[in-house]
Amino acid sequence: NLVLVPGEKDLVGMLREMGTGLLVTELMGQGINPVTGDYSRGAA
């Protein structure tokens, strides 16, 4: 039961906090190097 302690904003508030950017709702592929931390995933 690992809990990431939440902030104060709901998803609508988070979108406003972001302003301009990408909301990611799906990730594909396994492009993660556990040794270096390099991260690359297909997304939508």
All heavy atoms as atom14 arrays in JSON, in Angstrom:
{
  "sequence": "NLVLVPGEKDLVGMLREMGTGLLVTELMGQGINPVTGDYSRGAA",
  "atom14_mask": [
    [1, 1, 1, 1, 1, 1, 1, 1, 0, 0, 0, 0, 0, 0],
    [1, 1, 1, 1, 1, 1, 1, 1, 0, 0, 0, 0, 0, 0],
    [1, 1, 1, 1, 1, 1, 1, 0, 0, 0, 0, 0, 0, 0],
    [1, 1, 1, 1, 1, 1, 1, 1, 0, 0, 0, 0, 0, 0],
    [1, 1, 1, 1, 1, 1, 1, 0, 0, 0, 0, 0, 0, 0],
    [1, 1, 1, 1, 1, 1, 1, 0, 0, 0, 0, 0, 0, 0],
    [1, 1, 1, 1, 0, 0, 0, 0, 0, 0, 0, 0, 0, 0],
    [1, 1, 1, 1, 1, 1, 1, 1, 1, 0, 0, 0, 0, 0],
    [1, 1, 1, 1, 1, 1, 1, 1, 1, 0, 0, 0, 0, 0],
    [1, 1, 1, 1, 1, 1, 1, 1, 0, 0, 0, 0, 0, 0],
    [1, 1, 1, 1, 1, 1, 1, 1, 0, 0, 0, 0, 0, 0],
    [1, 1, 1, 1, 1, 1, 1, 0, 0, 0, 0, 0, 0, 0],
    [1, 1, 1, 1, 0, 0, 0, 0, 0, 0, 0, 0, 0, 0],
    [1, 1, 1, 1, 1, 1, 1, 1, 0, 0, 0, 0, 0, 0],
    [1, 1, 1, 1, 1, 1, 1, 1, 0, 0, 0, 0, 0, 0],
    [1, 1, 1, 1, 1, 1, 1, 1, 1, 1, 1, 0, 0, 0],
    [1, 1, 1, 1, 1, 1, 1, 1, 1, 0, 0, 0, 0, 0],
    [1, 1, 1, 1, 1, 1, 1, 1, 0, 0, 0, 0, 0, 0],
    [1, 1, 1, 1, 0, 0, 0, 0, 0, 0, 0, 0, 0, 0],
    [1, 1, 1, 1, 1, 1, 1, 0, 0, 0, 0, 0, 0, 0],
    [1, 1, 1, 1, 0, 0, 0, 0, 0, 0, 0, 0, 0, 0],
    [1, 1, 1, 1, 1, 1, 1, 1, 0, 0, 0, 0, 0, 0],
    [1, 1, 1, 1, 1, 1, 1, 1, 0, 0, 0, 0, 0, 0],
    [1, 1, 1, 1, 1, 1, 1, 0, 0, 0, 0, 0, 0, 0],
    [1, 1, 1, 1, 1, 1, 1, 0, 0, 0, 0, 0, 0, 0],
    [1, 1, 1, 1, 1, 1, 1, 1, 1, 0, 0, 0, 0, 0],
    [1, 1, 1, 1, 1, 1, 1, 1, 0, 0, 0, 0, 0, 0],
    [1, 1, 1, 1, 1, 1, 1, 1, 0, 0, 0, 0, 0, 0],
    [1, 1, 1, 1, 0, 0, 0, 0, 0, 0, 0, 0, 0, 0],
    [1, 1, 1, 1, 1, 1, 1, 1, 1, 0, 0, 0, 0, 0],
    [1, 1, 1, 1, 0, 0, 0, 0, 0, 0, 0, 0, 0, 0],
    [1, 1, 1, 1, 1, 1, 1, 1, 0, 0, 0, 0, 0, 0],
    [1, 1, 1, 1, 1, 1, 1, 1, 0, 0, 0, 0, 0, 0],
    [1, 1, 1, 1, 1, 1, 1, 0, 0, 0, 0, 0, 0, 0],
    [1, 1, 1, 1, 1, 1, 1, 0, 0, 0, 0, 0, 0, 0],
    [1, 1, 1, 1, 1, 1, 1, 0, 0, 0, 0, 0, 0, 0],
    [1, 1, 1, 1, 0, 0, 0, 0, 0, 0, 0, 0, 0, 0],
    [1, 1, 1, 1, 1, 1, 1, 1, 0, 0, 0, 0, 0, 0],
    [1, 1, 1, 1, 1, 1, 1, 1, 1, 1, 1, 1, 0, 0],
    [1, 1, 1, 1, 1, 1, 0, 0, 0, 0, 0, 0, 0, 0],
    [1, 1, 1, 1, 1, 1, 1, 1, 1, 1, 1, 0, 0, 0],
    [1, 1, 1, 1, 0, 0, 0, 0, 0, 0, 0, 0, 0, 0],
    [1, 1, 1, 1, 1, 0, 0, 0, 0, 0, 0, 0, 0, 0],
    [1, 1, 1, 1, 1, 0, 0, 0, 0, 0, 0, 0, 0, 0]
  ],
  "atom14_positions": [
    [[0.82, -1.21, 0.0], [0.0, 0.0, 0.0], [0.86, 1.26, 0.0], [0.9, 2.01, 0.99], [-0.94, 0.02, 1.21], [-1.91, -1.15, 1.21], [-2.36, -1.6, 0.17], [-2.21, -1.66, 2.39], [0.0, 0.0, 0.0], [0.0, 0.0, 0.0], [0.0, 0.0, 0.0], [0.0, 0.0, 0.0], [0.0, 0.0, 0.0], [0.0, 0.0, 0.0]],
    [[1.52, 1.5, -1.1], [2.38, 2.67, -1.23], [1.52, 3.85, -1.66], [0.81, 3.79, -2.68], [3.46, 2.38, -2.27], [4.78, 3.13, -2.12], [5.43, 2.79, -0.79], [5.7, 2.77, -3.27], [0.0, 0.0, 0.0], [0.0, 0.0, 0.0], [0.0, 0.0, 0.0], [0.0, 0.0, 0.0], [0.0, 0.0, 0.0], [0.0, 0.0, 0.0]],
    [[1.55, 4.93, -0.9], [0.68, 6.08, -1.12], [1.51, 7.3, -1.49], [2.35, 7.76, -0.71], [-0.15, 6.39, 0.15], [-1.05, 7.6, -0.09], [-0.97, 5.18, 0.55], [0.0, 0.0, 0.0], [0.0, 0.0, 0.0], [0.0, 0.0, 0.0], [0.0, 0.0, 0.0], [0.0, 0.0, 0.0], [0.0, 0.0, 0.0], [0.0, 0.0, 0.0]],
    [[1.26, 7.83, -2.69], [1.83, 9.12, -3.09], [0.92, 10.19, -2.5], [-0.24, 10.34, -2.91], [1.89, 9.23, -4.61], [2.4, 10.55, -5.19], [3.83, 10.84, -4.75], [2.29, 10.55, -6.71], [0.0, 0.0, 0.0], [0.0, 0.0, 0.0], [0.0, 0.0, 0.0], [0.0, 0.0, 0.0], [0.0, 0.0, 0.0], [0.0, 0.0, 0.0]],
    [[1.41, 10.91, -1.52], [0.58, 11.88, -0.79], [0.07, 12.94, -1.77], [0.84, 13.58, -2.48], [1.37, 12.53, 0.35], [0.52, 13.58, 1.07], [1.86, 11.46, 1.33], [0.0, 0.0, 0.0], [0.0, 0.0, 0.0], [0.0, 0.0, 0.0], [0.0, 0.0, 0.0], [0.0, 0.0, 0.0], [0.0, 0.0, 0.0], [0.0, 0.0, 0.0]],
    [[-1.27, 13.11, -1.83], [-1.84, 14.01, -2.85], [-1.67, 15.47, -2.52], [-1.49, 15.87, -1.36], [-3.33, 13.62, -2.85], [-3.58, 13.11, -1.46], [-2.31, 12.42, -1.05], [0.0, 0.0, 0.0], [0.0, 0.0, 0.0], [0.0, 0.0, 0.0], [0.0, 0.0, 0.0], [0.0, 0.0, 0.0], [0.0, 0.0, 0.0], [0.0, 0.0, 0.0]],
    [[-1.77, 16.28, -3.58], [-1.82, 17.72, -3.41], [-3.25, 18.17, -3.23], [-4.12, 17.4, -2.82], [0.0, 0.0, 0.0], [0.0, 0.0, 0.0], [0.0, 0.0, 0.0], [0.0, 0.0, 0.0], [0.0, 0.0, 0.0], [0.0, 0.0, 0.0], [0.0, 0.0, 0.0], [0.0, 0.0, 0.0], [0.0, 0.0, 0.0], [0.0, 0.0, 0.0]],
    [[-3.53, 19.42, -3.57], [-4.84, 20.01, -3.29], [-5.74, 20.08, -4.51], [-6.93, 20.38, -4.38], [-4.66, 21.41, -2.71], [-3.89, 21.43, -1.38], [-3.72, 22.83, -0.85], [-4.07, 23.79, -1.58], [-3.23, 22.98, 0.29], [0.0, 0.0, 0.0], [0.0, 0.0, 0.0], [0.0, 0.0, 0.0], [0.0, 0.0, 0.0], [0.0, 0.0, 0.0]],
    [[-5.24, 19.79, -5.72], [-6.03, 20.04, -6.93], [-6.56, 18.75, -7.54], [-5.87, 17.73, -7.57], [-5.16, 20.78, -7.95], [-4.72, 22.16, -7.47], [-3.82, 22.85, -8.46], [-3.39, 24.23, -7.93], [-2.46, 24.91, -8.83], [0.0, 0.0, 0.0], [0.0, 0.0, 0.0], [0.0, 0.0, 0.0], [0.0, 0.0, 0.0], [0.0, 0.0, 0.0]],
    [[-7.8, 18.82, -8.07], [-8.35, 17.71, -8.82], [-7.81, 17.75, -10.24], [-6.95, 18.59, -10.57], [-9.88, 17.73, -8.79], [-10.47, 19.02, -9.38], [-9.73, 19.8, -10.01], [-11.68, 19.24, -9.2], [0.0, 0.0, 0.0], [0.0, 0.0, 0.0], [0.0, 0.0, 0.0], [0.0, 0.0, 0.0], [0.0, 0.0, 0.0], [0.0, 0.0, 0.0]],
    [[-8.3, 16.85, -11.11], [-7.75, 16.79, -12.47], [-7.96, 18.1, -13.22], [-7.07, 18.56, -13.95], [-8.37, 15.63, -13.23], [-7.82, 15.4, -14.64], [-6.31, 15.16, -14.62], [-8.54, 14.26, -15.34], [0.0, 0.0, 0.0], [0.0, 0.0, 0.0], [0.0, 0.0, 0.0], [0.0, 0.0, 0.0], [0.0, 0.0, 0.0], [0.0, 0.0, 0.0]],
    [[-9.13, 18.72, -13.05], [-9.38, 20.01, -13.71], [-8.37, 21.05, -13.23], [-7.81, 21.82, -14.03], [-10.83, 20.47, -13.45], [-11.03, 21.9, -13.97], [-11.82, 19.52, -14.1], [0.0, 0.0, 0.0], [0.0, 0.0, 0.0], [0.0, 0.0, 0.0], [0.0, 0.0, 0.0], [0.0, 0.0, 0.0], [0.0, 0.0, 0.0], [0.0, 0.0, 0.0]],
    [[-8.13, 21.07, -11.92], [-7.14, 21.99, -11.38], [-5.74, 21.7, -11.87], [-4.95, 22.63, -12.1], [0.0, 0.0, 0.0], [0.0, 0.0, 0.0], [0.0, 0.0, 0.0], [0.0, 0.0, 0.0], [0.0, 0.0, 0.0], [0.0, 0.0, 0.0], [0.0, 0.0, 0.0], [0.0, 0.0, 0.0], [0.0, 0.0, 0.0], [0.0, 0.0, 0.0]],
    [[-5.42, 20.42, -12.05], [-4.09, 20.05, -12.57], [-3.92, 20.5, -14.02], [-2.84, 20.93, -14.42], [-3.9, 18.54, -12.45], [-3.8, 18.04, -11.02], [-2.25, 18.5, -10.2], [-1.11, 17.34, -10.97], [0.0, 0.0, 0.0], [0.0, 0.0, 0.0], [0.0, 0.0, 0.0], [0.0, 0.0, 0.0], [0.0, 0.0, 0.0], [0.0, 0.0, 0.0]],
    [[-4.99, 20.41, -14.81], [-4.93, 20.89, -16.2], [-4.67, 22.4, -16.22], [-3.87, 22.9, -17.02], [-6.22, 20.57, -16.92], [-6.48, 19.08, -17.23], [-7.88, 18.88, -17.76], [-5.45, 18.55, -18.23], [0.0, 0.0, 0.0], [0.0, 0.0, 0.0], [0.0, 0.0, 0.0], [0.0, 0.0, 0.0], [0.0, 0.0, 0.0], [0.0, 0.0, 0.0]],
    [[-5.32, 23.11, -15.32], [-5.1, 24.56, -15.25], [-3.69, 24.87, -14.78], [-3.06, 25.82, -15.27], [-6.13, 25.19, -14.31], [-7.54, 25.17, -14.87], [-8.56, 25.63, -13.85], [-9.91, 25.6, -14.4], [-11.02, 25.57, -13.68], [-10.92, 25.56, -12.34], [-12.2, 25.54, -14.25], [0.0, 0.0, 0.0], [0.0, 0.0, 0.0], [0.0, 0.0, 0.0]],
    [[-3.19, 24.06, -13.85], [-1.81, 24.25, -13.39], [-0.83, 24.03, -14.54], [0.17, 24.74, -14.67], [-1.52, 23.25, -12.27], [-0.08, 23.2, -11.81], [0.29, 24.34, -10.87], [-0.62, 25.04, -10.39], [1.5, 24.51, -10.62], [0.0, 0.0, 0.0], [0.0, 0.0, 0.0], [0.0, 0.0, 0.0], [0.0, 0.0, 0.0], [0.0, 0.0, 0.0]],
    [[-1.12, 23.04, -15.39], [-0.23, 22.75, -16.52], [-0.26, 23.88, -17.53], [0.76, 24.24, -18.11], [-0.63, 21.43, -17.18], [0.23, 21.09, -18.4], [0.02, 19.38, -18.98], [-1.68, 19.38, -19.5], [0.0, 0.0, 0.0], [0.0, 0.0, 0.0], [0.0, 0.0, 0.0], [0.0, 0.0, 0.0], [0.0, 0.0, 0.0], [0.0, 0.0, 0.0]],
    [[-1.44, 24.44, -17.78], [-1.55, 25.5, -18.78], [-1.54, 24.92, -20.17], [-2.58, 24.6, -20.74], [0.0, 0.0, 0.0], [0.0, 0.0, 0.0], [0.0, 0.0, 0.0], [0.0, 0.0, 0.0], [0.0, 0.0, 0.0], [0.0, 0.0, 0.0], [0.0, 0.0, 0.0], [0.0, 0.0, 0.0], [0.0, 0.0, 0.0], [0.0, 0.0, 0.0]],
    [[-0.36, 24.77, -20.73], [-0.19, 24.18, -22.06], [0.72, 22.96, -21.95], [1.77, 23.03, -21.32], [0.42, 25.19, -23.04], [-0.49, 26.29, -23.2], [0.67, 24.55, -24.41], [0.0, 0.0, 0.0], [0.0, 0.0, 0.0], [0.0, 0.0, 0.0], [0.0, 0.0, 0.0], [0.0, 0.0, 0.0], [0.0, 0.0, 0.0], [0.0, 0.0, 0.0]],
    [[0.28, 21.86, -22.54], [1.08, 20.65, -22.47], [0.27, 19.43, -22.88], [-0.78, 19.54, -23.53], [0.0, 0.0, 0.0], [0.0, 0.0, 0.0], [0.0, 0.0, 0.0], [0.0, 0.0, 0.0], [0.0, 0.0, 0.0], [0.0, 0.0, 0.0], [0.0, 0.0, 0.0], [0.0, 0.0, 0.0], [0.0, 0.0, 0.0], [0.0, 0.0, 0.0]],
    [[0.74, 18.27, -22.47], [0.15, 17.01, -22.9], [-0.4, 16.25, -21.71], [0.33, 15.95, -20.75], [1.22, 16.16, -23.6], [0.78, 14.78, -24.1], [-0.2, 14.92, -25.27], [1.99, 13.95, -24.52], [0.0, 0.0, 0.0], [0.0, 0.0, 0.0], [0.0, 0.0, 0.0], [0.0, 0.0, 0.0], [0.0, 0.0, 0.0], [0.0, 0.0, 0.0]],
    [[-1.69, 15.92, -21.75], [-2.3, 15.0, -20.79], [-2.18, 13.6, -21.37], [-2.73, 13.32, -22.43], [-3.77, 15.37, -20.55], [-4.62, 14.31, -19.82], [-4.1, 14.07, -18.41], [-6.09, 14.73, -19.8], [0.0, 0.0, 0.0], [0.0, 0.0, 0.0], [0.0, 0.0, 0.0], [0.0, 0.0, 0.0], [0.0, 0.0, 0.0], [0.0, 0.0, 0.0]],
    [[-1.46, 12.72, -20.69], [-1.24, 11.36, -21.19], [-2.2, 10.4, -20.49], [-2.24, 10.34, -19.26], [0.23, 10.91, -20.96], [0.43, 9.48, -21.45], [1.18, 11.86, -21.66], [0.0, 0.0, 0.0], [0.0, 0.0, 0.0], [0.0, 0.0, 0.0], [0.0, 0.0, 0.0], [0.0, 0.0, 0.0], [0.0, 0.0, 0.0], [0.0, 0.0, 0.0]],
    [[-2.96, 9.66, -21.3], [-3.92, 8.69, -20.75], [-3.61, 7.26, -21.15], [-4.26, 6.34, -20.66], [-5.35, 9.03, -21.23], [-5.39, 9.02, -22.66], [-5.77, 10.42, -20.71], [0.0, 0.0, 0.0], [0.0, 0.0, 0.0], [0.0, 0.0, 0.0], [0.0, 0.0, 0.0], [0.0, 0.0, 0.0], [0.0, 0.0, 0.0], [0.0, 0.0, 0.0]],
    [[-2.62, 7.07, -22.02], [-2.22, 5.7, -22.37], [-0.73, 5.69, -22.7], [-0.22, 6.59, -23.36], [-3.01, 5.18, -23.58], [-2.66, 3.74, -23.92], [-3.46, 3.19, -25.09], [-4.08, 3.98, -25.84], [-3.47, 1.95, -25.26], [0.0, 0.0, 0.0], [0.0, 0.0, 0.0], [0.0, 0.0, 0.0], [0.0, 0.0, 0.0], [0.0, 0.0, 0.0]],
    [[-0.05, 4.65, -22.2], [1.36, 4.44, -22.52], [1.53, 3.06, -23.15], [0.84, 2.11, -22.76], [2.22, 4.55, -21.26], [2.37, 5.93, -20.66], [3.03, 5.86, -19.29], [3.17, 6.85, -21.59], [0.0, 0.0, 0.0], [0.0, 0.0, 0.0], [0.0, 0.0, 0.0], [0.0, 0.0, 0.0], [0.0, 0.0, 0.0], [0.0, 0.0, 0.0]],
    [[2.46, 2.96, -24.08], [2.7, 1.71, -24.79], [4.19, 1.43, -24.84], [5.01, 2.34, -24.82], [2.14, 1.79, -26.21], [0.61, 1.94, -26.27], [0.04, 2.8, -27.76], [0.27, 4.52, -27.28], [0.0, 0.0, 0.0], [0.0, 0.0, 0.0], [0.0, 0.0, 0.0], [0.0, 0.0, 0.0], [0.0, 0.0, 0.0], [0.0, 0.0, 0.0]],
    [[4.54, 0.15, -24.93], [5.93, -0.22, -25.04], [6.63, -0.26, -23.69], [6.08, 0.13, -22.66], [0.0, 0.0, 0.0], [0.0, 0.0, 0.0], [0.0, 0.0, 0.0], [0.0, 0.0, 0.0], [0.0, 0.0, 0.0], [0.0, 0.0, 0.0], [0.0, 0.0, 0.0], [0.0, 0.0, 0.0], [0.0, 0.0, 0.0], [0.0, 0.0, 0.0]],
    [[7.86, -0.74, -23.71], [8.63, -0.93, -22.47], [9.99, -0.25, -22.57], [11.01, -0.82, -22.2], [8.81, -2.43, -22.2], [7.52, -3.21, -22.06], [6.71, -2.76, -20.87], [7.25, -2.44, -19.83], [5.4, -2.75, -21.01], [0.0, 0.0, 0.0], [0.0, 0.0, 0.0], [0.0, 0.0, 0.0], [0.0, 0.0, 0.0], [0.0, 0.0, 0.0]],
    [[10.02, 0.96, -23.09], [11.28, 1.64, -23.34], [11.9, 2.28, -22.12], [12.04, 3.51, -22.06], [0.0, 0.0, 0.0], [0.0, 0.0, 0.0], [0.0, 0.0, 0.0], [0.0, 0.0, 0.0], [0.0, 0.0, 0.0], [0.0, 0.0, 0.0], [0.0, 0.0, 0.0], [0.0, 0.0, 0.0], [0.0, 0.0, 0.0], [0.0, 0.0, 0.0]],
    [[12.26, 1.46, -21.14], [12.87, 1.98, -19.91], [14.15, 1.22, -19.63], [14.17, -0.01, -19.63], [11.9, 1.81, -18.72], [10.62, 2.61, -18.98], [12.55, 2.28, -17.42], [9.43, 2.05, -18.31], [0.0, 0.0, 0.0], [0.0, 0.0, 0.0], [0.0, 0.0, 0.0], [0.0, 0.0, 0.0], [0.0, 0.0, 0.0], [0.0, 0.0, 0.0]],
    [[15.24, 1.96, -19.41], [16.51, 1.35, -19.05], [16.69, 1.48, -17.54], [16.91, 2.58, -17.04], [17.66, 2.05, -19.78], [19.0, 1.36, -19.56], [19.28, 0.87, -18.48], [19.8, 1.33, -20.6], [0.0, 0.0, 0.0], [0.0, 0.0, 0.0], [0.0, 0.0, 0.0], [0.0, 0.0, 0.0], [0.0, 0.0, 0.0], [0.0, 0.0, 0.0]],
    [[16.58, 0.38, -16.78], [16.64, 0.48, -15.32], [18.01, 0.89, -14.79], [18.12, 1.37, -13.66], [16.27, -0.93, -14.85], [16.64, -1.82, -16.0], [16.39, -1.02, -17.23], [0.0, 0.0, 0.0], [0.0, 0.0, 0.0], [0.0, 0.0, 0.0], [0.0, 0.0, 0.0], [0.0, 0.0, 0.0], [0.0, 0.0, 0.0], [0.0, 0.0, 0.0]],
    [[19.05, 0.73, -15.6], [20.4, 1.06, -15.15], [20.67, 2.55, -15.29], [21.24, 3.18, -14.4], [21.45, 0.25, -15.94], [22.86, 0.63, -15.5], [21.22, -1.25, -15.75], [0.0, 0.0, 0.0], [0.0, 0.0, 0.0], [0.0, 0.0, 0.0], [0.0, 0.0, 0.0], [0.0, 0.0, 0.0], [0.0, 0.0, 0.0], [0.0, 0.0, 0.0]],
    [[20.25, 3.14, -16.41], [20.51, 4.56, -16.65], [19.32, 5.45, -16.31], [19.48, 6.66, -16.11], [20.86, 4.78, -18.13], [19.72, 4.45, -18.94], [22.05, 3.92, -18.54], [0.0, 0.0, 0.0], [0.0, 0.0, 0.0], [0.0, 0.0, 0.0], [0.0, 0.0, 0.0], [0.0, 0.0, 0.0], [0.0, 0.0, 0.0], [0.0, 0.0, 0.0]],
    [[18.12, 4.86, -16.27], [16.92, 5.65, -16.05], [16.34, 6.26, -17.31], [15.32, 6.95, -17.26], [0.0, 0.0, 0.0], [0.0, 0.0, 0.0], [0.0, 0.0, 0.0], [0.0, 0.0, 0.0], [0.0, 0.0, 0.0], [0.0, 0.0, 0.0], [0.0, 0.0, 0.0], [0.0, 0.0, 0.0], [0.0, 0.0, 0.0], [0.0, 0.0, 0.0]],
    [[16.95, 5.99, -18.47], [16.42, 6.53, -19.72], [15.01, 5.99, -19.96], [14.74, 4.81, -19.77], [17.32, 6.17, -20.9], [18.64, 6.92, -20.86], [18.7, 7.98, -20.22], [19.62, 6.45, -21.48], [0.0, 0.0, 0.0], [0.0, 0.0, 0.0], [0.0, 0.0, 0.0], [0.0, 0.0, 0.0], [0.0, 0.0, 0.0], [0.0, 0.0, 0.0]],
    [[14.13, 6.89, -20.4], [12.69, 6.6, -20.47], [12.17, 7.05, -21.83], [12.35, 8.21, -22.22], [11.98, 7.34, -19.34], [10.49, 7.15, -19.24], [9.95, 6.25, -18.34], [9.61, 7.9, -20.02], [8.56, 6.09, -18.21], [8.23, 7.75, -19.9], [7.72, 6.84, -18.99], [6.36, 6.69, -18.87], [0.0, 0.0, 0.0], [0.0, 0.0, 0.0]],
    [[11.5, 6.14, -22.55], [10.89, 6.48, -23.83], [9.71, 5.55, -24.06], [9.9, 4.34, -24.19], [11.91, 6.37, -24.97], [11.3, 6.69, -26.21], [0.0, 0.0, 0.0], [0.0, 0.0, 0.0], [0.0, 0.0, 0.0], [0.0, 0.0, 0.0], [0.0, 0.0, 0.0], [0.0, 0.0, 0.0], [0.0, 0.0, 0.0], [0.0, 0.0, 0.0]],
    [[8.5, 6.1, -24.1], [7.3, 5.29, -24.24], [6.37, 5.86, -25.3], [6.21, 7.09, -25.4], [6.51, 5.25, -22.9], [7.28, 4.79, -21.69], [7.41, 3.3, -21.6], [6.15, 2.58, -21.61], [5.39, 2.34, -20.54], [5.75, 2.82, -19.36], [4.28, 1.65, -20.64], [0.0, 0.0, 0.0], [0.0, 0.0, 0.0], [0.0, 0.0, 0.0]],
    [[5.75, 4.98, -26.07], [4.67, 5.42, -26.94], [3.51, 5.91, -26.1], [3.27, 5.4, -25.0], [0.0, 0.0, 0.0], [0.0, 0.0, 0.0], [0.0, 0.0, 0.0], [0.0, 0.0, 0.0], [0.0, 0.0, 0.0], [0.0, 0.0, 0.0], [0.0, 0.0, 0.0], [0.0, 0.0, 0.0], [0.0, 0.0, 0.0], [0.0, 0.0, 0.0]],
    [[2.79, 6.91, -26.59], [1.76, 7.53, -25.77], [0.57, 8.01, -26.6], [0.66, 8.19, -27.82], [2.34, 8.71, -24.99], [0.0, 0.0, 0.0], [0.0, 0.0, 0.0], [0.0, 0.0, 0.0], [0.0, 0.0, 0.0], [0.0, 0.0, 0.0], [0.0, 0.0, 0.0], [0.0, 0.0, 0.0], [0.0, 0.0, 0.0], [0.0, 0.0, 0.0]],
    [[-0.54, 8.21, -25.92], [-1.73, 8.84, -26.48], [-2.37, 9.65, -25.37], [-2.18, 9.38, -24.18], [-2.69, 7.8, -27.03], [0.0, 0.0, 0.0], [0.0, 0.0, 0.0], [0.0, 0.0, 0.0], [0.0, 0.0, 0.0], [0.0, 0.0, 0.0], [0.0, 0.0, 0.0], [0.0, 0.0, 0.0], [0.0, 0.0, 0.0], [0.0, 0.0, 0.0]]
  ]
}
